[in-house]
Amino acid sequence: MALTNKPSCIWFDLDDTLITTSESLMAAVRASTCCLQEAYPDLTERDIARHSMDVWLTELGPGTTGFATLSQMRLSAFRNHIAGGTLKRMGIEGFDITALIEVSSSAEEMAWKCFPGVIQLLDDLQQEGIPLGLISNGPTALQNHKLASCHLHKYFEHILLDCEVGISKPDRRIFDAASALMPGFENVMIGNDPDADINGALRSNWMAYWFVPGWDGETKPTEMGYIPIHHHYELLQHLTKR
């Protein structure tokens, strides 16, 4: 298998590009809802999903004072912050937060899995000698735990997490930071998010492949020049010839 126009470095997004993160988050929400409904039967999955995401974005997301702490925060502390903040916003006091986190995290982690074809793709690219990198938005401890659980660490020469760089996708500066690790080389981005991954990469003059099944919204990338793929094996079809 010989590469045509062999890229110097291929960068992947993690969540919903390599692993099924949306499914795992919904599994966590369902488990949390079942746990809480024993005492609060009127609570819905929508309530928990909305409040937990709001805690993350407004207290630990980019631009917040808590964002800078995510690179050093232990996974247990992160989960405790999200769960505690969610309960507080729903007006729930005195609930066993340890039990809630245990149920939620167990359901989340059991649902982590790679999309079909991911391991074969990474194996083939690595065997071709192509350096691989990862650019992901998310807490260091959580993202590293996902990588370890799905046995993905070994594939990546470079891992850039937004909380460590201080800049989140789609900001061009995180792509520039990645480019600086491979000076003078071409870079390719594979991701599911139309804006964070695809628009961000194209605005940085990278090639971009949009993994369509990893995105459940109607929004498409606004920048021109991306290539949509529906299965990871399609990437090899684009990059190689038999």
Protein backbone atom coordinates (compact mmCIF):
# COMPACT_ATOMS: atom_id res chain seq x y z
CA MET A 1 0.00 0.00 0.00
CA ALA A 2 1.66 3.20 -1.18
CA LEU A 3 0.55 6.67 -0.26
CA THR A 4 -0.33 9.30 -2.81
CA ASN A 5 0.52 12.80 -1.69
CA LYS A 6 1.61 11.35 1.63
CA PRO A 7 0.71 13.78 4.42
CA SER A 8 3.34 14.59 6.99
CA CYS A 9 1.06 14.33 10.00
CA ILE A 10 -2.55 13.32 10.51
CA TRP A 11 -4.37 14.82 13.47
CA PHE A 12 -7.52 13.33 14.94
CA ASP A 13 -10.23 14.69 17.15
CA LEU A 14 -11.12 12.25 19.94
CA ASP A 15 -14.76 12.59 20.98
CA ASP A 16 -17.26 11.22 18.45
CA THR A 17 -14.47 10.91 15.90
CA LEU A 18 -12.49 8.01 17.34
CA ILE A 19 -14.73 7.01 20.26
CA THR A 20 -18.47 7.11 20.85
CA THR A 21 -18.62 9.93 23.37
CA SER A 22 -22.21 11.10 22.81
CA GLU A 23 -23.48 7.58 23.47
CA SER A 24 -21.42 7.35 26.63
CA LEU A 25 -22.66 10.71 27.93
CA MET A 26 -26.26 9.69 27.34
CA ALA A 27 -25.58 6.41 29.15
CA ALA A 28 -24.30 8.43 32.10
CA VAL A 29 -27.35 10.69 32.03
CA ARG A 30 -29.71 7.72 31.93
CA ALA A 31 -27.95 6.07 34.85
CA SER A 32 -27.98 9.31 36.85
CA THR A 33 -31.67 9.80 36.15
CA CYS A 34 -32.57 6.30 37.34
CA CYS A 35 -30.52 6.84 40.48
CA LEU A 36 -32.12 10.20 41.30
CA GLN A 37 -35.67 9.25 40.36
CA GLU A 38 -35.89 6.92 43.34
CA ALA A 39 -36.06 10.03 45.51
CA TYR A 40 -37.14 12.59 42.89
CA PRO A 41 -39.51 10.83 40.46
CA ASP A 42 -40.30 13.98 38.49
CA LEU A 43 -36.73 14.49 37.30
CA THR A 44 -36.08 13.85 33.61
CA GLU A 45 -33.00 12.98 31.57
CA ARG A 46 -33.35 16.36 29.88
CA ASP A 47 -33.11 18.15 33.25
CA ILE A 48 -29.91 16.37 34.20
CA ALA A 49 -28.29 16.69 30.77
CA ARG A 50 -29.06 20.41 30.57
CA HIS A 51 -27.86 21.29 34.04
CA SER A 52 -24.70 19.17 33.93
CA MET A 53 -23.65 20.64 30.59
CA ASP A 54 -24.39 24.13 31.90
CA VAL A 55 -22.14 23.52 34.91
CA TRP A 56 -19.33 22.37 32.63
CA LEU A 57 -19.61 25.27 30.18
CA THR A 58 -20.17 28.10 32.65
CA GLU A 59 -17.78 26.99 35.41
CA LEU A 60 -15.07 24.97 33.66
CA GLY A 61 -15.42 25.81 29.98
CA PRO A 62 -13.18 28.03 27.84
CA GLY A 63 -13.17 31.61 29.07
CA THR A 64 -14.12 30.70 32.64
CA THR A 65 -11.86 30.94 35.67
CA GLY A 66 -12.10 27.18 36.13
CA PHE A 67 -10.81 26.38 32.64
CA ALA A 68 -7.17 26.77 33.64
CA THR A 69 -7.61 24.18 36.39
CA LEU A 70 -8.68 21.38 34.05
CA SER A 71 -5.14 20.39 33.12
CA GLN A 72 -4.32 19.60 36.75
CA MET A 73 -7.72 18.51 38.09
CA ARG A 74 -8.05 14.87 39.07
CA LEU A 75 -10.81 12.93 37.35
CA SER A 76 -12.60 12.36 40.67
CA ALA A 77 -12.54 16.10 41.39
CA PHE A 78 -13.88 16.91 37.93
CA ARG A 79 -16.75 14.47 38.27
CA ASN A 80 -17.51 15.68 41.77
CA HIS A 81 -17.64 19.28 40.52
CA ILE A 82 -20.06 18.42 37.71
CA ALA A 83 -22.30 16.20 39.84
CA GLY A 84 -22.34 18.59 42.79
CA GLY A 85 -23.07 21.58 40.59
CA THR A 86 -25.83 19.71 38.78
CA LEU A 87 -27.56 18.77 42.03
CA LYS A 88 -27.23 22.32 43.32
CA ARG A 89 -28.82 23.79 40.20
CA MET A 90 -31.72 21.36 40.54
CA GLY A 91 -32.19 22.31 44.18
CA ILE A 92 -31.28 18.86 45.50
CA GLU A 93 -29.55 18.67 48.88
CA GLY A 94 -28.33 15.76 50.98
CA PHE A 95 -28.21 13.23 48.15
CA ASP A 96 -25.40 10.64 48.22
CA ILE A 97 -23.17 12.23 45.59
CA THR A 98 -20.61 9.43 45.82
CA ALA A 99 -23.20 6.86 44.83
CA LEU A 100 -24.45 9.10 42.02
CA ILE A 101 -20.94 9.53 40.59
CA GLU A 102 -20.24 5.81 40.83
CA VAL A 103 -23.39 4.92 38.90
CA SER A 104 -22.87 7.64 36.32
CA SER A 105 -19.15 7.08 35.68
CA SER A 106 -19.58 3.31 35.45
CA ALA A 107 -22.27 3.69 32.79
CA GLU A 108 -20.19 6.26 30.92
CA GLU A 109 -17.03 4.18 30.83
CA MET A 110 -18.82 0.99 29.83
CA ALA A 111 -20.12 2.83 26.75
CA TRP A 112 -16.70 4.06 25.60
CA LYS A 113 -15.74 2.23 22.44
CA CYS A 114 -13.98 2.99 19.19
CA PHE A 115 -15.99 3.42 16.03
CA PRO A 116 -15.70 0.47 13.63
CA GLY A 117 -12.52 0.64 11.60
CA VAL A 118 -10.64 3.02 13.91
CA ILE A 119 -8.02 0.56 15.16
CA GLN A 120 -7.38 -0.83 11.68
CA LEU A 121 -6.98 2.69 10.31
CA LEU A 122 -4.56 3.73 13.04
CA ASP A 123 -2.58 0.51 12.64
CA ASP A 124 -2.30 1.00 8.87
CA LEU A 125 -1.28 4.65 9.15
CA GLN A 126 1.28 3.85 11.82
CA GLN A 127 2.71 1.04 9.71
CA GLU A 128 3.10 3.51 6.86
CA GLY A 129 5.27 5.61 9.15
CA ILE A 130 2.89 8.55 9.21
CA PRO A 131 3.10 10.53 12.46
CA LEU A 132 -0.27 10.81 14.17
CA GLY A 133 -1.50 13.46 16.56
CA LEU A 134 -4.58 14.25 18.61
CA ILE A 135 -6.24 17.63 19.16
CA SER A 136 -9.07 17.50 21.66
CA ASN A 137 -11.16 19.83 23.78
CA GLY A 138 -11.62 18.36 27.26
CA PRO A 139 -10.12 17.89 30.74
CA THR A 140 -6.71 16.23 30.80
CA ALA A 141 -7.61 13.47 33.27
CA LEU A 142 -10.84 12.57 31.47
CA GLN A 143 -9.36 12.54 27.98
CA ASN A 144 -6.35 10.50 29.09
CA HIS A 145 -8.68 8.02 30.79
CA LYS A 146 -10.64 7.62 27.56
CA LEU A 147 -7.46 7.06 25.58
CA ALA A 148 -6.19 4.48 28.05
CA SER A 149 -9.53 2.66 28.25
CA CYS A 150 -9.72 2.37 24.46
CA HIS A 151 -5.99 1.54 24.13
CA LEU A 152 -5.29 4.53 21.89
CA HIS A 153 -2.35 6.26 23.59
CA LYS A 154 0.23 4.21 21.70
CA TYR A 155 -0.75 5.64 18.33
CA PHE A 156 -0.11 9.33 18.93
CA GLU A 157 3.20 11.14 18.88
CA HIS A 158 1.57 14.39 19.93
CA ILE A 159 -1.52 15.00 22.08
CA LEU A 160 -2.80 18.57 22.36
CA LEU A 161 -5.59 19.23 24.85
CA ASP A 162 -7.20 22.64 24.88
CA CYS A 163 -6.95 23.09 28.64
CA GLU A 164 -3.19 22.48 28.46
CA VAL A 165 -2.63 24.79 25.50
CA GLY A 166 -5.04 27.39 26.89
CA ILE A 167 -6.92 27.63 23.61
CA SER A 168 -9.85 25.59 22.31
CA LYS A 169 -10.82 24.55 18.80
CA PRO A 170 -11.79 26.17 16.47
CA ASP A 171 -9.34 28.94 17.45
CA ARG A 172 -6.58 28.92 14.88
CA ARG A 173 -3.92 29.19 17.56
CA ILE A 174 -4.37 25.59 18.70
CA PHE A 175 -3.87 24.43 15.12
CA ASP A 176 -0.81 26.66 14.89
CA ALA A 177 0.50 25.06 18.08
CA ALA A 178 0.07 21.66 16.46
CA SER A 179 1.81 22.82 13.29
CA ALA A 180 4.73 24.06 15.37
CA LEU A 181 5.30 20.50 16.56
CA MET A 182 5.75 19.41 12.94
CA PRO A 183 7.44 22.46 11.34
CA GLY A 184 7.43 22.53 7.56
CA PHE A 185 5.14 19.53 7.30
CA GLU A 186 1.63 19.26 5.88
CA ASN A 187 -1.12 18.62 8.40
CA VAL A 188 -4.48 16.90 8.00
CA MET A 189 -7.41 17.05 10.43
CA ILE A 190 -10.06 14.36 10.88
CA GLY A 191 -12.97 15.34 13.12
CA ASN A 192 -16.72 15.29 13.57
CA ASP A 193 -17.50 18.83 14.69
CA PRO A 194 -18.27 21.09 11.70
CA ASP A 195 -16.93 24.22 13.38
CA ALA A 196 -14.38 23.14 15.98
CA ASP A 197 -12.66 20.55 13.80
CA ILE A 198 -13.42 21.31 10.18
CA ASN A 199 -13.82 25.09 9.98
CA GLY A 200 -10.95 25.49 12.43
CA ALA A 201 -8.62 23.32 10.37
CA LEU A 202 -9.55 24.85 7.02
CA ARG A 203 -9.06 28.38 8.35
CA SER A 204 -5.58 27.25 9.35
CA ASN A 205 -4.90 26.07 5.79
CA TRP A 206 -5.05 22.40 6.73
CA MET A 207 -6.77 19.64 4.79
CA ALA A 208 -9.88 18.43 6.65
CA TYR A 209 -11.96 15.26 6.61
CA TRP A 210 -15.40 15.51 8.20
CA PHE A 211 -16.52 12.30 9.94
CA VAL A 212 -20.24 12.74 9.33
CA PRO A 213 -21.66 9.91 11.54
CA GLY A 214 -20.03 11.51 14.58
CA TRP A 215 -22.22 14.60 14.25
CA ASP A 216 -25.94 14.44 15.02
CA GLY A 217 -26.82 18.02 14.11
CA GLU A 218 -27.99 19.57 10.85
CA THR A 219 -25.17 22.13 10.73
CA LYS A 220 -22.47 21.58 8.13
CA PRO A 221 -19.03 23.19 7.92
CA THR A 222 -19.22 26.67 6.46
CA GLU A 223 -15.70 26.65 5.06
CA MET A 224 -15.18 25.09 1.65
CA GLY A 225 -12.77 22.32 0.74
CA TYR A 226 -13.46 19.62 3.32
CA ILE A 227 -14.01 15.98 2.39
CA PRO A 228 -16.91 14.13 4.09
CA ILE A 229 -16.36 10.51 5.13
CA HIS A 230 -18.89 8.06 6.55
CA HIS A 231 -16.55 5.29 7.63
CA HIS A 232 -12.95 5.40 8.74
CA TYR A 233 -11.83 3.03 5.97
CA GLU A 234 -12.77 5.74 3.47
CA LEU A 235 -9.85 7.79 4.73
CA LEU A 236 -7.42 5.16 3.51
CA GLN A 237 -9.17 5.12 0.15
CA HIS A 238 -8.49 8.85 -0.14
CA LEU A 239 -4.89 8.69 1.06
CA THR A 240 -3.72 5.50 -0.59
CA LYS A 241 -3.73 3.60 -3.82
CA ARG A 242 -3.49 -0.13 -4.23
